[in-house]
Amino acid sequence: MIGSGVITPSKMVLITGSSHLHLAVSSNNSTANGIWGAYAGAPLLDLNFAEGGQSSTGSALQWARRIFSASFNDLDNEAAIIEPGSDGLLAYEKFQGSRTPITDPLMRASFIGLSLAHSRGHIWRSILEAICYGTKQAIDSLATAGHGCKEIIVAGGACRSKFFLQMHSDVCGLPISINLYDNAPLVGCAILAYAGTMNSHEQNKDSDTFDSYVHAIHDKIQKGIDKLVKVSHIVEPNLNATVKYNQMYNLYKQIPHSIEDITHALVLNKNLDNEGLKNVVLPSKRIGVLSPSLLSANFGRLLDDTSKCVDAGATHIHVDMCDGGSDFCLGSLTFGPQLVAAIKAEHPNLFIDVHLVCQEKTLFNLLDPLQKAGTDRVIVQYESFKQYDSDNFVQLLSITANMIRAKGMKVGICIKPSTPVAESELDVLLNIKYKDEPLFEMVNILSVEPGFSKQSFNFIVLDKIKYVYDRWGDKLEDIACDGAITSDTAKHALNAGANYLVSGGFIFDSGKNEIVNQYKKLYQEIMVHGK
């Protein structure tokens, strides 16, 4: 920013390359959807820095150039003889997802209005125009968030094309400046080095306050900019072209809402068929998992419903095993190890979680049958152990978990919505080792009461998930949110720090013919949060 000479509000740096970055300096510290920042104190202490972005700009042009087997100059020349608007051809340049103002990694590019009358030059021009429309939309979004600009300073690859620069200026309706020295980072380093040479005479002699020092530094940086940042030339907008572009721009803004469902379906099907959930990495660096809960499935066709989930892309399944006698699931008698064995026989690669909510004697009697059935992980109920023996339950839990691990199964621990996590003994439990690794590798936060389906999501658990994520995130393989997970509540759980979602009713309640669609619809939320 400093190397481009942008340290005052109402200016923006547009960095062009494989992608576009829209970097605004502002006096406001506000933000909005699709905007990164504003970050206070950047690039100077009394300023704010906000950013928008387009993922595919130069990379989209390289893609088209390779397909057309032509030079950039030849393609520009062909496009230049076509009127603004590309004779009714409108492109959408989101080849690798959308950043600003709609953040959507599942969005993809499209061409609308393509006909046999359109040439290679039309397609090339429509891509150039789409990139400029995307830039204008990012600038408009930044302005709406309080970071408007009256001038754009452009750096990077776009500076090599006078045609492309003029189009940016015409579409945005703003003047564009190109600096003499295009290596802005190097120039910025030189300016900061120059500012670091400030001597005592350049400071305010009447004051030795920090504010005075900062003011003097800022003055020195401005002097450095005045010496080193020189404008090579300015591109002014052709307002007649701007009017024509605005008509297409208004149509451009409608595209994502028109094609969203289609592009999401195409991307999800591709990812589910070819990659699977195991490759969806969330910002927390954990694998994103959606595990259907068979407690909400049709008990008369459990294997069929499980198979439909696998067809949709499921890699995990969740089995709530309640014996009907525990205080936490009185009257709820669900499944046994036989179901696990049947599922494993049908789908040997499916990861099966068994959530045990049962009396102490039942629990210990189930461990061997669960191992033989092929259970991958046993999730024990924290409160059940506390009920068994409130004085020694931590030791009892540890012994039980060690028995489970010794049988070759993983161990998770489940917490009810009403249990105050901060006051629990999780600190002790999660620091216990099994050999050289944590004894418990999952914490499952219930967002409903255990043992029964068709409950409402308890939003109080979001603070618990965030607490677990902040405190023990580096120790756990999975942080789960379990129960009443829908496409709406999934967003909240993922934002709080969960990577593992257990959902039943949303997937199964619409009937057997909708299981695949409902699973994919919910999985989309994990995709949106993924890298």
Protein backbone atom coordinates (compact mmCIF):
# COMPACT_ATOMS: atom_id res chain seq x y z
CA MET A 1 0.00 0.00 0.00
CA ILE A 2 2.76 2.43 0.98
CA GLY A 3 4.78 1.55 -2.11
CA SER A 4 1.73 2.43 -4.23
CA GLY A 5 1.36 5.77 -2.46
CA VAL A 6 -1.99 4.89 -0.90
CA ILE A 7 -2.07 6.14 2.69
CA THR A 8 -5.10 8.41 2.51
CA PRO A 9 -8.81 7.47 2.46
CA SER A 10 -10.77 7.36 -0.81
CA LYS A 11 -7.95 5.61 -2.65
CA MET A 12 -7.74 1.96 -3.61
CA VAL A 13 -4.96 -0.29 -4.87
CA LEU A 14 -6.05 -2.90 -7.41
CA ILE A 15 -3.46 -5.68 -7.57
CA THR A 16 -3.91 -7.76 -10.72
CA GLY A 17 -2.44 -11.15 -11.46
CA SER A 18 -3.95 -14.62 -11.41
CA SER A 19 -6.54 -13.03 -9.12
CA HIS A 20 -7.64 -9.47 -8.31
CA LEU A 21 -7.20 -7.89 -4.88
CA HIS A 22 -9.05 -4.67 -4.04
CA LEU A 23 -7.22 -2.92 -1.19
CA ALA A 24 -8.91 0.12 0.29
CA VAL A 25 -7.66 2.65 2.82
CA SER A 26 -10.42 4.06 4.98
CA SER A 27 -11.12 6.18 8.04
CA ASN A 28 -13.81 3.64 9.07
CA ASN A 29 -13.27 0.29 10.77
CA SER A 30 -16.56 -1.23 9.61
CA THR A 31 -17.02 -4.52 7.76
CA ALA A 32 -19.63 -6.48 5.77
CA ASN A 33 -20.16 -9.91 4.25
CA GLY A 34 -17.46 -10.77 1.73
CA ILE A 35 -15.14 -8.03 3.02
CA TRP A 36 -11.87 -8.82 4.79
CA GLY A 37 -11.29 -6.26 7.52
CA ALA A 38 -11.40 -3.41 8.15
CA TYR A 39 -8.12 -3.88 10.00
CA ALA A 40 -7.34 -1.01 12.34
CA GLY A 41 -3.85 0.47 12.21
CA ALA A 42 -3.04 -0.48 8.63
CA PRO A 43 -1.23 0.64 6.64
CA LEU A 44 -0.63 3.40 9.26
CA LEU A 45 -1.83 3.65 12.83
CA ASP A 46 -4.60 6.19 12.22
CA LEU A 47 -6.02 4.33 9.20
CA ASN A 48 -8.02 1.20 8.43
CA PHE A 49 -7.44 -1.37 5.71
CA ALA A 50 -10.21 -3.35 4.00
CA GLU A 51 -9.94 -5.94 1.24
CA GLY A 52 -12.12 -7.50 -1.42
CA GLY A 53 -11.13 -10.15 -3.93
CA GLN A 54 -11.80 -12.07 -7.12
CA SER A 55 -10.38 -15.58 -7.25
CA SER A 56 -10.09 -16.03 -11.03
CA THR A 57 -9.05 -13.11 -13.22
CA GLY A 58 -5.65 -13.52 -14.84
CA SER A 59 -5.99 -17.27 -14.38
CA ALA A 60 -9.29 -17.18 -16.30
CA LEU A 61 -7.60 -15.26 -19.13
CA GLN A 62 -4.74 -17.75 -19.22
CA TRP A 63 -7.32 -20.57 -19.43
CA ALA A 64 -9.02 -18.91 -22.41
CA ARG A 65 -5.72 -18.08 -24.13
CA ARG A 66 -4.60 -21.72 -23.91
CA ILE A 67 -7.90 -22.93 -25.38
CA PHE A 68 -7.76 -20.41 -28.21
CA SER A 69 -4.01 -20.95 -28.84
CA ALA A 70 -3.54 -17.23 -29.43
CA SER A 71 -1.52 -14.37 -27.98
CA PHE A 72 -2.99 -11.82 -25.59
CA ASN A 73 -2.40 -9.06 -28.18
CA ASP A 74 -4.26 -10.92 -30.92
CA LEU A 75 -7.20 -11.64 -28.65
CA ASP A 76 -7.32 -8.03 -27.42
CA ASN A 77 -7.30 -6.79 -31.02
CA GLU A 78 -10.21 -9.07 -31.94
CA ALA A 79 -12.17 -7.97 -28.87
CA ALA A 80 -11.47 -4.25 -29.44
CA ILE A 81 -13.59 -4.09 -32.60
CA ILE A 82 -16.65 -5.37 -30.67
CA GLU A 83 -18.96 -2.93 -28.89
CA PRO A 84 -19.26 -2.88 -25.08
CA GLY A 85 -21.59 -5.63 -23.97
CA SER A 86 -20.07 -8.24 -26.34
CA ASP A 87 -23.20 -8.27 -28.52
CA GLY A 88 -25.34 -9.79 -25.82
CA LEU A 89 -22.81 -12.28 -24.40
CA LEU A 90 -22.41 -12.11 -20.61
CA ALA A 91 -19.75 -14.12 -18.78
CA TYR A 92 -19.42 -14.89 -15.08
CA GLU A 93 -15.76 -15.29 -14.17
CA LYS A 94 -15.99 -17.36 -10.95
CA PHE A 95 -13.93 -20.30 -12.18
CA GLN A 96 -12.62 -21.07 -8.68
CA GLY A 97 -15.44 -19.80 -6.49
CA SER A 98 -16.53 -16.33 -5.43
CA ARG A 99 -14.99 -14.08 -2.77
CA THR A 100 -16.55 -10.59 -2.78
CA PRO A 101 -19.31 -9.76 -2.10
CA ILE A 102 -20.66 -13.33 -2.07
CA THR A 103 -18.23 -15.77 -0.48
CA ASP A 104 -19.04 -19.09 -2.11
CA PRO A 105 -16.34 -21.70 -2.91
CA LEU A 106 -18.94 -23.75 -4.82
CA MET A 107 -19.72 -21.03 -7.37
CA ARG A 108 -18.45 -21.59 -10.91
CA ALA A 109 -18.08 -19.66 -14.17
CA SER A 110 -20.72 -19.47 -16.89
CA PHE A 111 -21.47 -17.86 -20.24
CA ILE A 112 -25.00 -16.57 -20.79
CA GLY A 113 -26.38 -15.59 -24.18
CA LEU A 114 -23.78 -17.50 -26.21
CA SER A 115 -24.92 -18.07 -29.79
CA LEU A 116 -23.53 -19.27 -33.11
CA ALA A 117 -23.08 -15.63 -34.10
CA HIS A 118 -20.44 -15.08 -31.41
CA SER A 119 -16.75 -15.37 -32.27
CA ARG A 120 -13.57 -16.01 -30.36
CA GLY A 121 -13.24 -12.25 -29.90
CA HIS A 122 -16.72 -12.08 -28.32
CA ILE A 123 -15.85 -14.77 -25.79
CA TRP A 124 -12.54 -13.10 -24.94
CA ARG A 125 -14.18 -9.71 -24.54
CA SER A 126 -16.97 -11.15 -22.39
CA ILE A 127 -14.39 -12.59 -19.98
CA LEU A 128 -12.55 -9.26 -19.79
CA GLU A 129 -15.84 -7.48 -19.15
CA ALA A 130 -16.85 -10.02 -16.48
CA ILE A 131 -13.58 -9.43 -14.63
CA CYS A 132 -14.26 -5.69 -14.70
CA TYR A 133 -17.86 -6.18 -13.56
CA GLY A 134 -16.54 -8.26 -10.66
CA THR A 135 -14.11 -5.49 -9.79
CA LYS A 136 -16.89 -2.90 -9.83
CA GLN A 137 -19.04 -5.14 -7.61
CA ALA A 138 -16.18 -5.49 -5.12
CA ILE A 139 -15.63 -1.71 -5.14
CA ASP A 140 -19.36 -1.11 -4.63
CA SER A 141 -19.40 -3.59 -1.75
CA LEU A 142 -16.44 -1.92 -0.08
CA ALA A 143 -18.18 1.45 -0.49
CA THR A 144 -21.36 0.07 1.10
CA ALA A 145 -19.25 -1.10 4.04
CA GLY A 146 -17.86 2.43 4.44
CA HIS A 147 -14.71 2.17 2.33
CA GLY A 148 -15.49 4.12 -0.81
CA CYS A 149 -12.87 5.23 -3.31
CA LYS A 150 -12.57 7.96 -5.92
CA GLU A 151 -9.35 6.76 -7.53
CA ILE A 152 -7.85 3.37 -8.35
CA ILE A 153 -4.12 2.69 -8.52
CA VAL A 154 -3.50 -0.44 -10.59
CA ALA A 155 -0.48 -2.72 -10.31
CA GLY A 156 0.35 -6.07 -11.86
CA GLY A 157 -0.37 -7.88 -15.10
CA ALA A 158 -3.33 -5.77 -16.22
CA CYS A 159 -0.97 -2.82 -16.71
CA ARG A 160 0.39 -4.55 -19.82
CA SER A 161 -2.91 -4.12 -21.69
CA LYS A 162 -4.09 -0.59 -22.45
CA PHE A 163 -7.35 -2.12 -23.68
CA PHE A 164 -7.98 -3.94 -20.39
CA LEU A 165 -7.05 -0.88 -18.29
CA GLN A 166 -9.44 1.31 -20.24
CA MET A 167 -12.19 -1.27 -19.75
CA HIS A 168 -11.61 -1.26 -15.96
CA SER A 169 -11.90 2.52 -15.93
CA ASP A 170 -15.01 2.55 -18.15
CA VAL A 171 -16.86 -0.15 -16.20
CA CYS A 172 -16.03 1.33 -12.79
CA GLY A 173 -16.52 4.92 -13.93
CA LEU A 174 -13.34 5.93 -12.10
CA PRO A 175 -9.91 7.22 -13.12
CA ILE A 176 -7.09 4.69 -12.97
CA SER A 177 -3.50 5.61 -12.16
CA ILE A 178 -0.45 3.58 -13.14
CA ASN A 179 2.73 4.32 -11.24
CA LEU A 180 6.13 4.68 -12.89
CA TYR A 181 7.73 2.02 -10.67
CA ASP A 182 5.55 -1.09 -10.68
CA ASN A 183 7.40 -2.98 -7.90
CA ALA A 184 5.31 -1.51 -5.07
CA PRO A 185 6.69 -3.78 -2.27
CA LEU A 186 10.28 -2.75 -3.07
CA VAL A 187 9.33 0.92 -3.22
CA GLY A 188 7.42 0.57 0.07
CA CYS A 189 10.45 -0.95 1.79
CA ALA A 190 12.59 1.95 0.59
CA ILE A 191 10.07 4.48 1.92
CA LEU A 192 9.89 2.80 5.33
CA ALA A 193 13.68 2.66 5.51
CA TYR A 194 13.76 6.37 4.71
CA ALA A 195 11.16 7.04 7.42
CA GLY A 196 13.34 5.13 9.90
CA THR A 197 16.11 7.68 9.47
CA MET A 198 14.03 10.38 11.19
CA ASN A 199 16.12 12.46 13.59
CA SER A 200 15.13 14.48 16.62
CA HIS A 201 14.85 17.72 14.62
CA GLU A 202 12.03 16.21 12.58
CA GLN A 203 9.98 15.42 15.69
CA ASN A 204 7.74 17.93 17.44
CA LYS A 205 10.08 19.67 19.87
CA ASP A 206 7.18 20.79 22.05
CA SER A 207 5.96 17.28 22.72
CA ASP A 208 7.50 13.86 23.29
CA THR A 209 4.20 11.98 23.31
CA PHE A 210 3.61 8.82 21.32
CA ASP A 211 1.02 10.62 19.19
CA SER A 212 3.58 13.25 18.31
CA TYR A 213 6.09 10.58 17.30
CA VAL A 214 3.51 8.79 15.14
CA HIS A 215 2.57 12.06 13.47
CA ALA A 216 6.23 12.72 12.66
CA ILE A 217 6.67 9.20 11.23
CA HIS A 218 3.60 9.65 9.06
CA ASP A 219 4.95 12.95 7.76
CA LYS A 220 8.25 11.28 6.87
CA ILE A 221 6.44 8.45 5.07
CA GLN A 222 4.45 11.01 3.08
CA LYS A 223 7.70 12.74 2.12
CA GLY A 224 9.10 9.40 1.00
CA ILE A 225 6.00 8.78 -1.11
CA ASP A 226 6.34 12.23 -2.65
CA LYS A 227 9.94 11.42 -3.61
CA LEU A 228 9.56 7.83 -4.88
CA VAL A 229 5.99 7.23 -6.01
CA LYS A 230 5.51 8.83 -9.41
CA VAL A 231 2.43 8.46 -11.58
CA SER A 232 3.27 7.30 -15.10
CA HIS A 233 -0.16 8.03 -16.59
CA ILE A 234 -3.85 8.20 -15.76
CA VAL A 235 -6.66 6.45 -17.64
CA GLU A 236 -9.91 8.44 -17.58
CA PRO A 237 -13.28 6.69 -18.04
CA ASN A 238 -15.25 7.02 -21.27
CA LEU A 239 -18.63 7.88 -19.77
CA ASN A 240 -20.54 6.86 -22.91
CA ALA A 241 -19.09 3.36 -22.54
CA THR A 242 -19.83 3.46 -18.79
CA VAL A 243 -23.56 3.88 -19.54
CA LYS A 244 -23.54 0.81 -21.80
CA TYR A 245 -21.57 -1.26 -19.31
CA ASN A 246 -23.96 -0.38 -16.48
CA GLN A 247 -26.80 -2.13 -18.31
CA MET A 248 -24.79 -5.36 -18.49
CA TYR A 249 -23.50 -4.89 -14.94
CA ASN A 250 -27.05 -4.90 -13.58
CA LEU A 251 -27.61 -8.25 -15.30
CA TYR A 252 -24.24 -9.55 -14.08
CA LYS A 253 -25.29 -9.01 -10.45
CA GLN A 254 -28.29 -11.29 -10.95
CA ILE A 255 -26.24 -14.26 -12.17
CA PRO A 256 -25.20 -15.90 -8.85
CA HIS A 257 -28.77 -16.08 -7.58
CA SER A 258 -29.88 -17.59 -10.89
CA ILE A 259 -27.24 -20.32 -11.16
CA GLU A 260 -26.40 -21.02 -7.50
CA ASP A 261 -28.48 -24.19 -7.10
CA ILE A 262 -27.24 -25.63 -10.40
CA THR A 263 -23.53 -24.96 -9.81
CA HIS A 264 -23.70 -26.23 -6.24
CA ALA A 265 -25.35 -29.45 -7.38
CA LEU A 266 -22.71 -29.97 -10.07
CA VAL A 267 -19.79 -29.29 -7.73
CA LEU A 268 -21.19 -31.39 -4.89
CA ASN A 269 -21.83 -34.36 -7.15
CA LYS A 270 -18.30 -34.12 -8.53
CA ASN A 271 -16.70 -33.86 -5.11
CA LEU A 272 -18.81 -36.60 -3.59
CA ASP A 273 -18.24 -38.98 -6.48
CA ASN A 274 -14.53 -38.38 -6.91
CA GLU A 275 -13.13 -37.15 -3.62
CA GLY A 276 -15.45 -37.90 -0.70
CA LEU A 277 -15.77 -36.14 2.59
CA LYS A 278 -12.30 -37.17 3.70
CA ASN A 279 -10.79 -34.38 1.61
CA VAL A 280 -12.84 -31.49 2.99
CA VAL A 281 -10.49 -29.59 5.29
CA LEU A 282 -11.99 -26.81 7.41
CA PRO A 283 -10.16 -23.62 8.47
CA SER A 284 -9.50 -25.34 11.84
CA LYS A 285 -7.38 -27.84 9.81
CA ARG A 286 -9.74 -30.64 10.83
CA ILE A 287 -11.51 -32.93 8.42
CA GLY A 288 -15.15 -31.96 7.90
CA VAL A 289 -17.49 -34.88 8.65
CA LEU A 290 -21.25 -35.31 8.30
CA SER A 291 -22.45 -38.40 10.16
CA PRO A 292 -26.12 -39.45 9.70
CA SER A 293 -27.78 -40.56 12.93
CA LEU A 294 -29.80 -43.75 12.50
CA LEU A 295 -31.96 -42.81 15.49
CA SER A 296 -34.04 -40.79 13.01
CA ALA A 297 -33.99 -43.39 10.21
CA ASN A 298 -36.84 -45.75 9.42
CA PHE A 299 -36.34 -48.67 11.83
CA GLY A 300 -37.94 -50.98 9.27
CA ARG A 301 -35.25 -50.31 6.65
CA LEU A 302 -32.12 -49.33 8.56
CA LEU A 303 -29.73 -51.00 6.12
CA ASP A 304 -31.46 -49.44 3.11
CA ASP A 305 -31.34 -45.97 4.67
CA THR A 306 -27.67 -46.47 5.55
CA SER A 307 -26.92 -47.51 1.97
CA LYS A 308 -28.59 -44.38 0.63
CA CYS A 309 -26.35 -42.28 2.89
CA VAL A 310 -23.30 -44.11 1.52
CA ASP A 311 -24.56 -43.50 -2.02
CA ALA A 312 -24.76 -39.80 -1.17
CA GLY A 313 -21.12 -39.80 -0.05
CA ALA A 314 -21.28 -40.58 3.68
CA THR A 315 -18.09 -41.99 5.19
CA HIS A 316 -19.41 -42.14 8.77
CA ILE A 317 -22.62 -43.33 10.45
CA HIS A 318 -23.82 -42.64 14.01
CA VAL A 319 -25.59 -45.29 16.14
CA ASP A 320 -27.19 -44.21 19.43
CA MET A 321 -27.27 -47.27 21.68
CA CYS A 322 -29.63 -46.69 24.60
CA ASP A 323 -30.72 -49.43 27.01
CA GLY A 324 -33.84 -47.63 28.25
CA GLY A 325 -32.70 -47.74 31.87
CA SER A 326 -30.33 -44.80 32.17
CA ASP A 327 -31.73 -41.66 33.78
CA PHE A 328 -30.72 -39.78 30.63
CA CYS A 329 -32.80 -41.85 28.21
CA LEU A 330 -35.57 -43.45 30.27
CA GLY A 331 -37.85 -45.47 28.03
CA SER A 332 -35.61 -45.15 24.96
CA LEU A 333 -34.55 -48.64 23.89
CA THR A 334 -32.75 -48.44 20.57
CA PHE A 335 -30.10 -50.61 18.90
CA GLY A 336 -27.60 -53.31 19.73
CA PRO A 337 -24.28 -54.63 18.39
CA GLN A 338 -26.17 -56.75 15.85
CA LEU A 339 -27.04 -53.62 13.85
CA VAL A 340 -23.38 -52.54 13.83
CA ALA A 341 -22.38 -56.00 12.56
CA ALA A 342 -25.00 -55.89 9.80
CA ILE A 343 -23.91 -52.44 8.65
CA LYS A 344 -20.23 -53.40 8.70
CA ALA A 345 -20.93 -56.51 6.66
CA GLU A 346 -22.71 -54.42 4.03
CA HIS A 347 -20.33 -51.44 4.14
CA PRO A 348 -16.93 -52.53 5.53
CA ASN A 349 -15.29 -49.13 4.90
CA LEU A 350 -17.97 -47.13 6.72
CA PHE A 351 -16.74 -45.59 9.98
CA ILE A 352 -19.24 -46.45 12.72
CA ASP A 353 -19.59 -44.35 15.86
CA VAL A 354 -21.56 -45.92 18.71
CA HIS A 355 -22.87 -43.49 21.32
CA LEU A 356 -23.50 -45.46 24.51
CA VAL A 357 -26.14 -44.09 26.87
CA CYS A 358 -26.77 -46.95 29.27
CA GLN A 359 -26.39 -48.28 32.78
CA GLU A 360 -22.94 -49.18 34.07
CA LYS A 361 -23.37 -52.95 33.89
CA THR A 362 -24.85 -52.78 30.38
CA LEU A 363 -21.96 -50.63 29.17
CA PHE A 364 -19.22 -53.04 30.25
CA ASN A 365 -21.13 -56.03 28.87
CA LEU A 366 -21.37 -54.32 25.45
CA LEU A 367 -17.68 -53.63 24.90
CA ASP A 368 -16.69 -57.08 23.61
CA PRO A 369 -19.75 -57.46 21.33
CA LEU A 370 -19.17 -53.96 19.93
CA GLN A 371 -15.56 -54.78 19.15
CA LYS A 372 -16.53 -58.03 17.39
CA ALA A 373 -19.26 -56.21 15.43
CA GLY A 374 -16.71 -53.79 13.95
CA THR A 375 -17.35 -50.60 15.91
CA ASP A 376 -14.76 -47.94 15.09
CA ARG A 377 -15.37 -45.56 17.99
CA VAL A 378 -17.30 -45.72 21.24
CA ILE A 379 -18.63 -42.41 22.58
CA VAL A 380 -19.35 -42.55 26.30
CA GLN A 381 -21.74 -40.25 28.16
CA TYR A 382 -19.94 -38.02 30.66
CA GLU A 383 -22.96 -37.53 32.93
CA SER A 384 -23.69 -41.27 33.14
CA PHE A 385 -20.35 -41.90 34.79
CA LYS A 386 -20.82 -39.01 37.15
CA GLN A 387 -24.14 -40.56 38.12
CA TYR A 388 -22.51 -43.96 38.74
CA ASP A 389 -19.91 -42.65 41.16
CA SER A 390 -19.70 -38.90 41.69
CA ASP A 391 -16.51 -39.19 43.76
CA ASN A 392 -14.48 -41.49 41.53
CA PHE A 393 -16.09 -41.06 38.14
CA VAL A 394 -12.98 -39.54 36.51
CA GLN A 395 -11.00 -42.66 37.40
CA LEU A 396 -13.88 -44.87 36.24
CA LEU A 397 -14.12 -43.00 32.95
CA SER A 398 -10.38 -43.31 32.42
CA ILE A 399 -10.42 -47.06 33.12
CA THR A 400 -13.36 -47.55 30.74
CA ALA A 401 -11.72 -45.53 27.99
CA ASN A 402 -8.48 -47.51 28.38
CA MET A 403 -10.45 -50.76 28.06
CA ILE A 404 -12.06 -49.47 24.84
CA ARG A 405 -8.72 -48.37 23.38
CA ALA A 406 -7.13 -51.71 24.31
CA LYS A 407 -9.82 -53.40 22.22
CA GLY A 408 -8.73 -51.39 19.18
CA MET A 409 -11.60 -48.85 19.18
CA LYS A 410 -11.31 -45.07 19.46
CA VAL A 411 -12.97 -43.18 22.31
CA GLY A 412 -15.05 -40.03 22.43
CA ILE A 413 -16.77 -38.33 25.33
CA CYS A 414 -20.27 -36.82 25.09
CA ILE A 415 -21.61 -33.82 27.04
CA LYS A 416 -25.28 -32.91 27.55
CA PRO A 417 -26.51 -29.39 26.73
CA SER A 418 -27.08 -28.55 30.40
CA THR A 419 -23.62 -29.59 31.61
CA PRO A 420 -21.35 -26.56 32.23
CA VAL A 421 -18.24 -27.52 30.28
CA ALA A 422 -16.04 -24.94 31.98
CA GLU A 423 -16.82 -26.50 35.38
CA SER A 424 -16.45 -30.09 34.24
CA GLU A 425 -13.46 -32.39 34.66
CA LEU A 426 -12.66 -32.34 30.95
CA ASP A 427 -9.35 -30.64 31.69
CA VAL A 428 -8.23 -33.73 33.58
CA LEU A 429 -9.74 -36.24 31.15
CA LEU A 430 -8.40 -34.68 27.98
CA ASN A 431 -4.87 -34.58 29.37
CA ILE A 432 -4.81 -38.34 30.01
CA LYS A 433 -2.63 -40.24 27.57
CA TYR A 434 -3.05 -43.66 26.00
CA LYS A 435 0.47 -44.70 25.13
CA ASP A 436 1.81 -41.57 23.35
CA GLU A 437 -1.50 -40.03 22.22
CA PRO A 438 -4.58 -38.51 23.89
CA LEU A 439 -6.91 -41.10 25.44
CA PHE A 440 -9.99 -39.23 24.21
CA GLU A 441 -9.77 -37.94 20.65
CA MET A 442 -13.32 -36.59 20.34
CA VAL A 443 -15.63 -34.37 22.36
CA ASN A 444 -19.26 -34.64 21.29
CA ILE A 445 -21.43 -31.72 22.41
CA LEU A 446 -25.10 -32.70 22.36
CA SER A 447 -27.40 -29.96 21.09
CA VAL A 448 -30.44 -32.06 22.16
CA GLU A 449 -31.16 -34.41 25.05
CA PRO A 450 -29.83 -37.95 24.51
CA GLY A 451 -31.98 -40.84 23.35
CA PHE A 452 -34.78 -39.22 21.38
CA SER A 453 -35.14 -37.73 17.90
CA LYS A 454 -37.19 -34.76 16.61
CA GLN A 455 -35.95 -32.22 19.16
CA SER A 456 -35.09 -28.55 18.63
CA PHE A 457 -31.54 -27.26 18.51
CA ASN A 458 -30.37 -25.83 21.84
CA PHE A 459 -28.33 -22.75 20.95
CA ILE A 460 -26.73 -22.64 24.39
CA VAL A 461 -24.31 -25.32 23.18
CA LEU A 462 -22.57 -22.95 20.75
CA ASP A 463 -20.64 -21.32 23.59
CA LYS A 464 -19.66 -24.81 24.81
CA ILE A 465 -18.36 -25.77 21.36
CA LYS A 466 -16.35 -22.56 21.14
CA TYR A 467 -14.96 -23.15 24.64
CA VAL A 468 -13.87 -26.68 23.74
CA TYR A 469 -12.37 -25.47 20.46
CA ASP A 470 -10.44 -22.62 22.10
CA ARG A 471 -9.21 -24.67 25.06
CA TRP A 472 -8.58 -28.15 23.68
CA GLY A 473 -8.70 -27.76 19.91
CA ASP A 474 -5.04 -28.71 19.48
CA LYS A 475 -5.58 -31.99 21.39
CA LEU A 476 -8.69 -33.29 19.66
CA GLU A 477 -9.19 -35.00 16.32
CA ASP A 478 -12.92 -34.19 16.25
CA ILE A 479 -15.20 -31.65 17.91
CA ALA A 480 -18.76 -32.79 17.27
CA CYS A 481 -22.14 -31.11 17.44
CA ASP A 482 -24.83 -33.76 17.74
CA GLY A 483 -28.56 -33.30 17.22
CA ALA A 484 -31.07 -31.12 15.32
CA ILE A 485 -28.43 -30.26 12.72
CA THR A 486 -30.04 -28.59 9.70
CA SER A 487 -28.68 -26.41 6.92
CA ASP A 488 -29.33 -23.43 9.23
CA THR A 489 -27.98 -24.78 12.53
CA ALA A 490 -24.97 -26.37 10.79
CA LYS A 491 -23.61 -22.89 10.00
CA HIS A 492 -23.68 -21.94 13.68
CA ALA A 493 -22.03 -25.19 14.79
CA LEU A 494 -19.26 -24.91 12.19
CA ASN A 495 -18.63 -21.25 13.00
CA ALA A 496 -18.34 -22.13 16.70
CA GLY A 497 -15.57 -24.64 15.93
CA ALA A 498 -17.24 -27.99 15.29
CA ASN A 499 -15.90 -30.08 12.41
CA TYR A 500 -18.09 -33.14 12.96
CA LEU A 501 -21.86 -32.82 12.51
CA VAL A 502 -24.33 -35.53 13.55
CA SER A 503 -27.72 -35.12 11.88
CA GLY A 504 -30.76 -37.36 11.80
CA GLY A 505 -34.12 -35.76 11.16
CA PHE A 506 -32.93 -33.38 8.43
CA ILE A 507 -31.55 -36.30 6.42
CA PHE A 508 -34.23 -38.94 7.03
CA ASP A 509 -37.54 -37.22 7.79
CA SER A 510 -38.33 -36.31 4.15
CA GLY A 511 -38.57 -39.99 3.20
CA LYS A 512 -36.33 -42.54 1.53
CA ASN A 513 -36.38 -40.85 -1.88
CA GLU A 514 -34.94 -37.63 -0.45
CA ILE A 515 -32.14 -39.06 1.73
CA VAL A 516 -29.45 -38.52 -0.90
CA ASN A 517 -30.57 -34.96 -1.68
CA GLN A 518 -30.93 -34.00 1.98
CA TYR A 519 -27.51 -35.41 2.81
CA LYS A 520 -25.88 -33.47 -0.04
CA LYS A 521 -27.74 -30.29 0.87
CA LEU A 522 -26.42 -30.48 4.42
CA TYR A 523 -22.95 -31.50 3.29
CA GLN A 524 -22.90 -28.29 1.24
CA GLU A 525 -22.54 -26.32 4.47
CA ILE A 526 -19.33 -28.20 5.24
CA MET A 527 -18.12 -27.54 1.70
CA VAL A 528 -18.81 -23.82 2.06
CA HIS A 529 -16.72 -23.73 5.25
CA GLY A 530 -13.96 -25.83 3.71
CA LYS A 531 -10.71 -24.58 2.19
